[in-house]
Amino acid sequence: MRAVLHSERARLTALYGSLLVLAGGGLIALINILLRGGLYTRISGAVTTAVPGTAFERAAVEGQPLKAVPAQRLPPGAATPTQEQLRTWAATRNLSIAVESATLHELLVVSLIALAVFAVPSIWLAWWMAGRVLRPVGVITETARRLSGENLHERIGLKAPPGELKRLADTFDGMLDRMESLVGAQRRFAANAAHELRTPLAVQRAAAEIGLAGDPPPEKVARIRSKLIGVAESGEHLVESLLLLAVSEEGLETTTAVDLVALTEAELAETEAAGAGGAGAGGAGAAGGAGPTVVRGFEPVSVVGDRALLGHLVRNLLANAVRHNRPGGRITVKTSADGVLTVSNTGPVIGPADVPRLLEPFRRRAERQHTAGEGAGLGLSIVASIARAHGAKLVVRANRGPGGGLTVRVRLPVTPVPHRTASPQES
């Protein structure tokens, strides 16, 4: 019972009921005030007097019928009223006051009784109205209470006219869609991370147990050693990528002005020096053997962010463009004055519906082949995480046509240009 009394429905009932009773009381008070102002005039004008006072008294005693005439004002300039006229006026006044008082008293009593009777259905109506208004809120509450990781697919689906509560229910459903997507991505991330971390351990164990069983010759030991070192480096790269992903998700502690062109050119030089794609070091359209052609188009621009994380962003975009390119393909790297970094590459044809899942960790266009230089499937997810940390807008789309591949655009916040006051000579 206490829970009901302290519920929102009880509060709304008290509010609605009070408003209705106050409205009724205000209406009664207004009617009484208006009647008090004009009731006496109407009664005195309607009350009729018989003949002058003596005839009135005599007729009342003898039971004779009275000939009534309306009360009238004396014309201007008339003589002083007689005693009989004064007695007639006094009788008319006394009668009017008595009728007025009795009428107002009866009206007040009847109005108060009507207000008391009106209060009962008003409170019931307020209770019903509050329950009807709060019903969608109850549906939302029950749905939220019932939800768990196993039934995030449930939705409210409130069927109601457009309004605040309808928008609230639709917003809650949209939040559930995002939560379901995030929980699904988290589960896939945990499963894929476990798989990716288990694979190098299994390879290492197999190499040690099988390759080094018995008394292997030195050349076989050298091959197994090389294999174990390669697997260890792959596992180390995976762990570093996971740590980078975690760091980028935490946000930025400090930001500085970063020359995006210089940063991109430095990362391009490192990629070429490492033999990531054999891209030529020449200008636009310079070929570099069998590797993809690098097309440069740089406009000077300075952005706000963390230089180390932005370096990882550019490095991952270039590595992704090289790794998923095709022989004789092309890589286009551009910067614009509005802070947009664009990296486009040719490669396999990707369906537009497959692009969003490429931004999830460990998600690849095709199944993993466990070949050298294949990567862990964290490149674009790290790019997306770093872009979110910088408040940047990331757009990834599949290229049309037989060339295939992806185009990635990152719009970073540009360093504001300091305001310079004009000197008197310039003005």
Protein backbone atom coordinates (compact mmCIF):
# COMPACT_ATOMS: atom_id res chain seq x y z
CA MET A 1 0.00 0.00 0.00
CA ARG A 2 2.84 2.35 0.84
CA ALA A 3 4.41 1.65 -2.55
CA VAL A 4 1.16 2.63 -4.26
CA LEU A 5 0.88 5.84 -2.26
CA HIS A 6 4.46 6.78 -3.13
CA SER A 7 4.13 5.88 -6.80
CA GLU A 8 4.09 8.32 -9.71
CA ARG A 9 0.49 7.36 -10.40
CA ALA A 10 -0.54 8.47 -6.91
CA ARG A 11 1.32 11.76 -7.35
CA LEU A 12 -0.29 12.39 -10.72
CA THR A 13 -3.69 11.47 -9.26
CA ALA A 14 -3.23 13.97 -6.44
CA LEU A 15 -2.14 16.60 -8.95
CA TYR A 16 -4.95 16.00 -11.44
CA GLY A 17 -7.57 15.60 -8.70
CA SER A 18 -6.47 18.78 -6.96
CA LEU A 19 -6.58 20.69 -10.22
CA LEU A 20 -10.09 19.47 -10.98
CA VAL A 21 -11.37 20.26 -7.47
CA LEU A 22 -9.69 23.66 -7.52
CA ALA A 23 -11.22 24.36 -10.92
CA GLY A 24 -14.65 23.44 -9.53
CA GLY A 25 -14.10 25.57 -6.41
CA GLY A 26 -12.94 28.47 -8.54
CA LEU A 27 -16.03 28.17 -10.72
CA ILE A 28 -18.30 28.22 -7.63
CA ALA A 29 -16.47 31.24 -6.21
CA LEU A 30 -16.74 33.11 -9.51
CA ILE A 31 -20.49 32.41 -9.78
CA ASN A 32 -21.09 33.66 -6.20
CA ILE A 33 -19.02 36.80 -6.78
CA LEU A 34 -20.86 37.64 -10.00
CA LEU A 35 -24.26 37.03 -8.40
CA ARG A 36 -23.45 39.19 -5.38
CA GLY A 37 -22.71 42.09 -7.65
CA GLY A 38 -26.00 42.10 -9.59
CA LEU A 39 -28.50 39.90 -7.74
CA TYR A 40 -29.85 42.64 -5.48
CA THR A 41 -30.52 44.98 -8.40
CA ARG A 42 -32.33 42.26 -10.31
CA ILE A 43 -34.42 41.22 -7.31
CA SER A 44 -35.35 44.79 -6.33
CA GLY A 45 -36.33 45.50 -9.90
CA ALA A 46 -38.41 42.34 -10.11
CA VAL A 47 -40.07 42.62 -6.72
CA THR A 48 -43.43 44.33 -7.04
CA THR A 49 -45.08 46.45 -4.41
CA ALA A 50 -48.74 46.63 -3.76
CA VAL A 51 -50.46 49.82 -3.01
CA PRO A 52 -48.92 52.20 -0.46
CA GLY A 53 -48.03 50.83 2.94
CA THR A 54 -51.40 51.32 4.69
CA ALA A 55 -53.32 49.66 1.87
CA PHE A 56 -50.69 46.89 1.81
CA GLU A 57 -51.11 46.25 5.50
CA ARG A 58 -54.91 46.44 5.32
CA ALA A 59 -55.08 44.04 2.37
CA ALA A 60 -52.74 41.63 4.15
CA VAL A 61 -55.01 41.67 7.22
CA GLU A 62 -58.33 41.46 5.33
CA GLY A 63 -57.03 38.89 2.82
CA GLN A 64 -57.93 41.05 -0.14
CA PRO A 65 -56.05 40.65 -3.43
CA LEU A 66 -53.25 43.14 -4.10
CA LYS A 67 -52.88 45.08 -7.28
CA ALA A 68 -49.15 44.94 -7.92
CA VAL A 69 -47.22 47.66 -9.71
CA PRO A 70 -43.47 47.70 -10.39
CA ALA A 71 -41.28 49.84 -8.19
CA GLN A 72 -40.24 53.01 -10.01
CA ARG A 73 -37.74 55.80 -9.49
CA LEU A 74 -38.97 59.30 -8.82
CA PRO A 75 -38.66 61.54 -11.84
CA PRO A 76 -36.00 64.30 -11.70
CA GLY A 77 -37.16 67.40 -9.97
CA ALA A 78 -40.05 65.59 -8.27
CA ALA A 79 -41.22 66.56 -4.83
CA THR A 80 -39.91 64.97 -1.67
CA PRO A 81 -41.32 61.43 -1.25
CA THR A 82 -44.12 61.03 1.18
CA GLN A 83 -44.05 58.86 4.27
CA GLU A 84 -46.11 56.23 2.51
CA GLN A 85 -43.62 56.13 -0.39
CA LEU A 86 -40.76 55.78 2.07
CA ARG A 87 -42.49 52.90 3.83
CA THR A 88 -43.12 51.27 0.47
CA TRP A 89 -39.43 51.64 -0.48
CA ALA A 90 -38.33 50.26 2.87
CA ALA A 91 -40.59 47.24 2.50
CA THR A 92 -39.31 46.65 -1.02
CA ARG A 93 -35.67 46.96 0.16
CA ASN A 94 -36.15 44.62 3.09
CA LEU A 95 -37.84 42.06 0.90
CA SER A 96 -35.10 42.28 -1.75
CA ILE A 97 -32.34 41.86 0.86
CA ALA A 98 -34.11 38.86 2.39
CA VAL A 99 -34.58 37.21 -1.00
CA GLU A 100 -30.95 37.94 -1.95
CA SER A 101 -29.58 36.48 1.29
CA ALA A 102 -31.72 33.37 1.07
CA THR A 103 -30.80 32.87 -2.59
CA LEU A 104 -27.05 33.25 -2.00
CA HIS A 105 -27.15 30.96 1.03
CA GLU A 106 -29.05 28.28 -0.85
CA LEU A 107 -26.71 28.64 -3.87
CA LEU A 108 -23.63 28.28 -1.63
CA VAL A 109 -24.96 25.17 0.12
CA VAL A 110 -25.97 23.51 -3.14
CA SER A 111 -22.61 24.44 -4.75
CA LEU A 112 -20.59 22.95 -1.87
CA ILE A 113 -22.62 19.74 -1.96
CA ALA A 114 -22.15 19.55 -5.75
CA LEU A 115 -18.40 20.16 -5.32
CA ALA A 116 -18.12 17.36 -2.76
CA VAL A 117 -20.00 14.99 -5.04
CA PHE A 118 -17.91 16.17 -8.01
CA ALA A 119 -14.63 15.49 -6.14
CA VAL A 120 -15.24 11.72 -5.99
CA PRO A 121 -15.48 11.10 -9.78
CA SER A 122 -12.75 13.69 -10.28
CA ILE A 123 -10.28 11.69 -8.18
CA TRP A 124 -11.32 8.45 -9.90
CA LEU A 125 -10.95 10.10 -13.31
CA ALA A 126 -7.51 11.43 -12.29
CA TRP A 127 -6.44 7.93 -11.18
CA TRP A 128 -7.61 6.43 -14.48
CA MET A 129 -5.98 9.17 -16.52
CA ALA A 130 -2.66 8.84 -14.66
CA GLY A 131 -2.68 5.08 -15.21
CA ARG A 132 -3.34 5.51 -18.91
CA VAL A 133 -0.57 8.08 -19.28
CA LEU A 134 1.94 5.96 -17.34
CA ARG A 135 1.07 2.66 -19.02
CA PRO A 136 3.81 2.99 -21.70
CA VAL A 137 6.31 3.81 -18.95
CA GLY A 138 5.30 0.60 -17.20
CA VAL A 139 5.83 -1.36 -20.42
CA ILE A 140 9.30 0.16 -20.82
CA THR A 141 10.13 -0.62 -17.18
CA GLU A 142 9.02 -4.24 -17.43
CA THR A 143 10.96 -4.72 -20.67
CA ALA A 144 14.11 -3.22 -19.16
CA ARG A 145 13.72 -5.41 -16.05
CA ARG A 146 13.28 -8.54 -18.13
CA LEU A 147 16.22 -7.92 -20.47
CA SER A 148 19.48 -9.78 -20.10
CA GLY A 149 22.29 -10.91 -22.34
CA GLU A 150 20.14 -13.76 -23.59
CA ASN A 151 17.10 -11.80 -24.77
CA LEU A 152 18.48 -8.51 -26.06
CA HIS A 153 16.52 -9.18 -29.24
CA GLU A 154 13.25 -8.19 -27.52
CA ARG A 155 11.80 -4.77 -28.28
CA ILE A 156 9.00 -2.66 -26.85
CA GLY A 157 7.37 -1.85 -30.18
CA LEU A 158 4.96 0.59 -28.53
CA LYS A 159 1.82 1.07 -30.61
CA ALA A 160 0.74 4.60 -29.72
CA PRO A 161 0.11 7.94 -31.42
CA PRO A 162 3.16 10.14 -31.98
CA GLY A 163 4.21 11.88 -28.80
CA GLU A 164 6.83 12.07 -26.04
CA LEU A 165 6.21 8.53 -24.75
CA LYS A 166 6.24 7.08 -28.28
CA ARG A 167 9.59 8.77 -28.91
CA LEU A 168 10.87 7.49 -25.56
CA ALA A 169 9.91 3.90 -26.45
CA ASP A 170 11.44 4.20 -29.93
CA THR A 171 14.63 5.65 -28.42
CA PHE A 172 14.77 2.74 -25.98
CA ASP A 173 14.37 0.29 -28.86
CA GLY A 174 17.18 2.04 -30.73
CA MET A 175 19.37 1.79 -27.64
CA LEU A 176 18.61 -1.95 -27.47
CA ASP A 177 19.65 -2.29 -31.12
CA ARG A 178 22.99 -0.68 -30.34
CA MET A 179 23.44 -2.74 -27.19
CA GLU A 180 22.68 -5.96 -29.05
CA SER A 181 25.20 -5.00 -31.73
CA LEU A 182 27.85 -4.12 -29.12
CA VAL A 183 27.29 -7.30 -27.11
CA GLY A 184 27.47 -9.37 -30.30
CA ALA A 185 30.68 -7.61 -31.32
CA GLN A 186 32.14 -8.18 -27.85
CA ARG A 187 31.33 -11.89 -27.99
CA ARG A 188 32.84 -12.20 -31.45
CA PHE A 189 35.90 -10.28 -30.27
CA ALA A 190 36.42 -12.60 -27.29
CA ALA A 191 36.00 -15.71 -29.43
CA ASN A 192 38.27 -14.43 -32.21
CA ALA A 193 40.91 -13.18 -29.77
CA ALA A 194 40.96 -16.57 -28.07
CA HIS A 195 41.31 -18.27 -31.44
CA GLU A 196 44.05 -15.92 -32.63
CA LEU A 197 46.04 -16.33 -29.41
CA ARG A 198 45.58 -20.08 -29.31
CA THR A 199 46.83 -20.63 -32.87
CA PRO A 200 50.48 -19.52 -32.31
CA LEU A 201 50.62 -21.45 -29.05
CA ALA A 202 49.41 -24.57 -30.81
CA VAL A 203 51.97 -24.09 -33.60
CA GLN A 204 54.76 -23.62 -31.08
CA ARG A 205 53.80 -26.72 -29.16
CA ALA A 206 53.52 -28.82 -32.31
CA ALA A 207 56.89 -27.60 -33.54
CA ALA A 208 58.51 -28.37 -30.22
CA GLU A 209 56.87 -31.78 -29.69
CA ILE A 210 57.03 -33.08 -33.26
CA GLY A 211 59.86 -31.17 -34.91
CA LEU A 212 62.26 -31.59 -32.03
CA ALA A 213 61.28 -35.15 -31.11
CA GLY A 214 64.13 -37.64 -30.90
CA ASP A 215 67.55 -36.43 -32.01
CA PRO A 216 66.88 -34.10 -35.00
CA PRO A 217 69.76 -33.00 -37.23
CA PRO A 218 71.10 -29.43 -36.83
CA GLU A 219 69.46 -28.19 -40.05
CA LYS A 220 66.05 -29.32 -38.82
CA VAL A 221 66.63 -27.65 -35.48
CA ALA A 222 67.49 -24.45 -37.36
CA ARG A 223 64.25 -24.62 -39.34
CA ILE A 224 62.20 -25.27 -36.20
CA ARG A 225 63.99 -22.42 -34.47
CA SER A 226 63.19 -20.10 -37.35
CA LYS A 227 59.57 -21.25 -37.28
CA LEU A 228 59.26 -20.68 -33.54
CA ILE A 229 60.78 -17.21 -33.85
CA GLY A 230 58.31 -16.35 -36.63
CA VAL A 231 55.35 -17.58 -34.58
CA ALA A 232 56.60 -15.63 -31.54
CA GLU A 233 56.89 -12.45 -33.62
CA SER A 234 53.38 -12.99 -34.94
CA GLY A 235 52.07 -13.41 -31.40
CA GLU A 236 54.00 -10.35 -30.25
CA HIS A 237 52.52 -8.30 -33.09
CA LEU A 238 49.04 -9.50 -32.16
CA VAL A 239 49.48 -8.54 -28.50
CA GLU A 240 50.86 -5.12 -29.47
CA SER A 241 47.88 -4.57 -31.75
CA LEU A 242 45.47 -5.50 -28.95
CA LEU A 243 47.24 -3.12 -26.57
CA LEU A 244 47.09 -0.35 -29.17
CA LEU A 245 43.39 -1.01 -29.64
CA ALA A 246 42.84 -0.78 -25.86
CA VAL A 247 44.89 2.42 -25.57
CA SER A 248 43.00 4.11 -28.41
CA GLU A 249 39.67 3.21 -26.81
CA GLU A 250 40.67 5.07 -23.64
CA GLY A 251 40.72 8.42 -25.45
CA LEU A 252 43.37 11.15 -25.66
CA GLU A 253 45.25 12.54 -22.68
CA THR A 254 47.08 15.32 -24.53
CA THR A 255 46.83 16.72 -28.04
CA THR A 256 49.21 18.76 -30.17
CA ALA A 257 49.30 20.23 -33.63
CA VAL A 258 50.44 17.55 -36.09
CA ASP A 259 51.62 18.16 -39.65
CA LEU A 260 49.52 15.53 -41.42
CA VAL A 261 51.48 15.72 -44.69
CA ALA A 262 54.88 15.21 -43.03
CA LEU A 263 53.46 12.37 -40.93
CA THR A 264 51.97 10.64 -43.98
CA GLU A 265 55.15 11.01 -46.03
CA ALA A 266 57.23 9.57 -43.17
CA GLU A 267 54.95 6.55 -42.86
CA LEU A 268 55.04 6.06 -46.63
CA ALA A 269 58.84 6.10 -46.57
CA GLU A 270 58.92 3.51 -43.76
CA THR A 271 56.45 1.29 -45.62
CA GLU A 272 58.55 1.43 -48.76
CA ALA A 273 61.80 0.89 -46.86
CA ALA A 274 60.36 -2.16 -45.13
CA GLY A 275 59.39 -3.61 -48.51
CA ALA A 276 55.71 -3.70 -47.54
CA GLY A 277 54.63 -3.26 -51.12
CA GLY A 278 57.64 -2.33 -53.21
CA ALA A 279 56.00 0.99 -54.07
CA GLY A 280 58.16 3.40 -55.95
CA ALA A 281 59.52 6.47 -54.27
CA GLY A 282 58.85 8.69 -57.23
CA GLY A 283 56.08 11.17 -57.79
CA ALA A 284 52.54 10.52 -58.80
CA GLY A 285 52.16 7.43 -60.78
CA ALA A 286 55.69 6.17 -60.25
CA ALA A 287 55.84 2.45 -60.49
CA GLY A 288 57.87 0.31 -58.23
CA GLY A 289 58.39 -3.04 -59.93
CA ALA A 290 55.62 -5.53 -59.37
CA GLY A 291 54.28 -3.63 -56.36
CA PRO A 292 51.34 -1.23 -56.49
CA THR A 293 51.78 2.26 -57.89
CA VAL A 294 51.59 5.03 -55.29
CA VAL A 295 49.70 8.17 -56.31
CA ARG A 296 50.33 11.14 -54.03
CA GLY A 297 48.22 14.26 -53.73
CA PHE A 298 49.14 16.32 -50.66
CA GLU A 299 47.75 19.68 -49.57
CA PRO A 300 49.38 21.28 -46.52
CA VAL A 301 47.27 20.80 -43.40
CA SER A 302 47.82 20.70 -39.64
CA VAL A 303 45.48 18.65 -37.45
CA VAL A 304 44.90 18.33 -33.70
CA GLY A 305 45.65 14.98 -32.08
CA ASP A 306 48.12 12.52 -30.65
CA ARG A 307 51.06 12.15 -33.03
CA ALA A 308 51.84 8.55 -32.02
CA LEU A 309 48.24 7.37 -32.47
CA LEU A 310 47.87 9.26 -35.75
CA GLY A 311 51.06 7.58 -36.93
CA HIS A 312 49.53 4.18 -36.15
CA LEU A 313 46.37 5.23 -38.02
CA VAL A 314 48.29 6.14 -41.19
CA ARG A 315 50.54 3.08 -40.87
CA ASN A 316 47.57 0.71 -40.60
CA LEU A 317 45.83 2.31 -43.56
CA LEU A 318 48.95 1.97 -45.73
CA ALA A 319 49.61 -1.60 -44.57
CA ASN A 320 46.01 -2.54 -45.29
CA ALA A 321 46.22 -0.92 -48.75
CA VAL A 322 49.42 -2.83 -49.56
CA ARG A 323 48.43 -6.18 -48.07
CA HIS A 324 45.04 -6.36 -49.80
CA ASN A 325 46.14 -4.99 -53.16
CA ARG A 326 46.75 -6.92 -56.35
CA PRO A 327 49.84 -7.17 -58.56
CA GLY A 328 50.26 -4.02 -60.61
CA GLY A 329 47.59 -2.29 -58.54
CA ARG A 330 47.39 1.28 -57.32
CA ILE A 331 47.40 3.12 -53.98
CA THR A 332 46.18 6.70 -53.78
CA VAL A 333 47.14 8.78 -50.74
CA LYS A 334 45.77 12.32 -50.43
CA THR A 335 45.39 15.04 -47.84
CA SER A 336 43.19 18.12 -48.13
CA ALA A 337 43.23 21.48 -46.42
CA ASP A 338 40.05 20.65 -44.48
CA GLY A 339 41.80 17.82 -42.60
CA VAL A 340 40.70 14.85 -44.73
CA LEU A 341 43.13 11.96 -45.19
CA THR A 342 42.17 9.65 -48.06
CA VAL A 343 43.75 6.25 -48.72
CA SER A 344 42.36 4.26 -51.64
CA ASN A 345 43.61 1.00 -53.08
CA THR A 346 42.72 -1.49 -55.73
CA GLY A 347 42.15 -5.09 -54.75
CA PRO A 348 39.44 -7.74 -54.44
CA VAL A 349 35.87 -6.64 -55.16
CA ILE A 350 34.04 -6.13 -51.83
CA GLY A 351 30.29 -5.96 -51.45
CA PRO A 352 28.97 -2.77 -49.77
CA ALA A 353 27.19 -4.89 -47.16
CA ASP A 354 30.52 -6.44 -46.09
CA VAL A 355 32.23 -3.11 -45.40
CA PRO A 356 30.84 -2.43 -41.86
CA ARG A 357 31.98 -5.78 -40.48
CA LEU A 358 35.53 -5.14 -41.73
CA LEU A 359 35.77 -2.48 -39.00
CA GLU A 360 35.27 -5.11 -36.28
CA PRO A 361 38.33 -6.74 -34.67
CA PHE A 362 39.53 -9.99 -36.26
CA ARG A 363 37.03 -9.69 -39.11
CA ARG A 364 38.45 -10.37 -42.57
CA ARG A 365 37.03 -10.39 -46.04
CA ALA A 366 37.94 -14.07 -46.37
CA GLU A 367 38.90 -16.86 -44.02
CA ARG A 368 42.39 -16.72 -42.56
CA GLN A 369 45.00 -18.75 -44.44
CA HIS A 370 47.75 -18.47 -41.76
CA THR A 371 50.27 -17.28 -44.33
CA ALA A 372 53.17 -14.90 -43.84
CA GLY A 373 52.21 -11.21 -43.74
CA GLU A 374 48.52 -11.99 -43.51
CA GLY A 375 47.89 -9.83 -40.44
CA ALA A 376 45.62 -10.36 -37.46
CA GLY A 377 42.53 -8.59 -38.82
CA LEU A 378 42.88 -5.61 -36.46
CA GLY A 379 44.05 -2.95 -38.93
CA LEU A 380 40.77 -1.20 -39.74
CA SER A 381 39.37 -1.71 -36.24
CA ILE A 382 42.41 0.13 -34.84
CA VAL A 383 41.88 2.88 -37.43
CA ALA A 384 38.22 3.20 -36.37
CA SER A 385 39.17 3.31 -32.68
CA ILE A 386 41.83 6.00 -33.18
CA ALA A 387 39.40 8.02 -35.30
CA ARG A 388 36.78 7.87 -32.52
CA ALA A 389 39.37 8.95 -29.95
CA HIS A 390 40.14 12.04 -32.07
CA GLY A 391 36.49 12.86 -32.74
CA ALA A 392 37.15 12.26 -36.43
CA LYS A 393 34.63 11.15 -39.01
CA LEU A 394 35.54 7.84 -40.66
CA VAL A 395 34.00 6.84 -43.99
CA VAL A 396 34.84 3.47 -45.59
CA ARG A 397 33.36 2.44 -48.90
CA ALA A 398 33.97 -0.29 -51.43
CA ASN A 399 35.30 0.84 -54.80
CA ARG A 400 33.10 0.10 -57.78
CA GLY A 401 34.31 -1.41 -60.98
CA PRO A 402 36.72 -4.25 -61.74
CA GLY A 403 39.55 -2.53 -59.83
CA GLY A 404 37.87 -3.30 -56.51
CA GLY A 405 39.46 -2.43 -53.21
CA LEU A 406 38.53 0.12 -50.55
CA THR A 407 38.56 3.87 -50.09
CA VAL A 408 39.00 5.14 -46.53
CA ARG A 409 38.48 8.81 -45.63
CA VAL A 410 39.28 10.21 -42.18
CA ARG A 411 38.23 13.80 -41.45
CA LEU A 412 40.38 15.02 -38.55
CA PRO A 413 39.94 18.26 -36.57
CA VAL A 414 42.05 20.98 -38.14
CA THR A 415 44.36 23.17 -36.07
CA PRO A 416 42.61 26.54 -35.67
CA VAL A 417 44.35 29.42 -37.38
CA PRO A 418 45.37 32.05 -34.77
CA HIS A 419 43.65 35.38 -35.17
CA ARG A 420 46.04 38.17 -36.15
CA THR A 421 45.19 41.81 -35.54
CA ALA A 422 45.95 44.05 -38.49
CA SER A 423 48.63 46.66 -37.95
CA PRO A 424 47.89 50.36 -38.60
CA GLN A 425 50.00 50.27 -41.77
CA GLU A 426 47.93 47.31 -43.12
CA SER A 427 44.65 48.96 -42.31
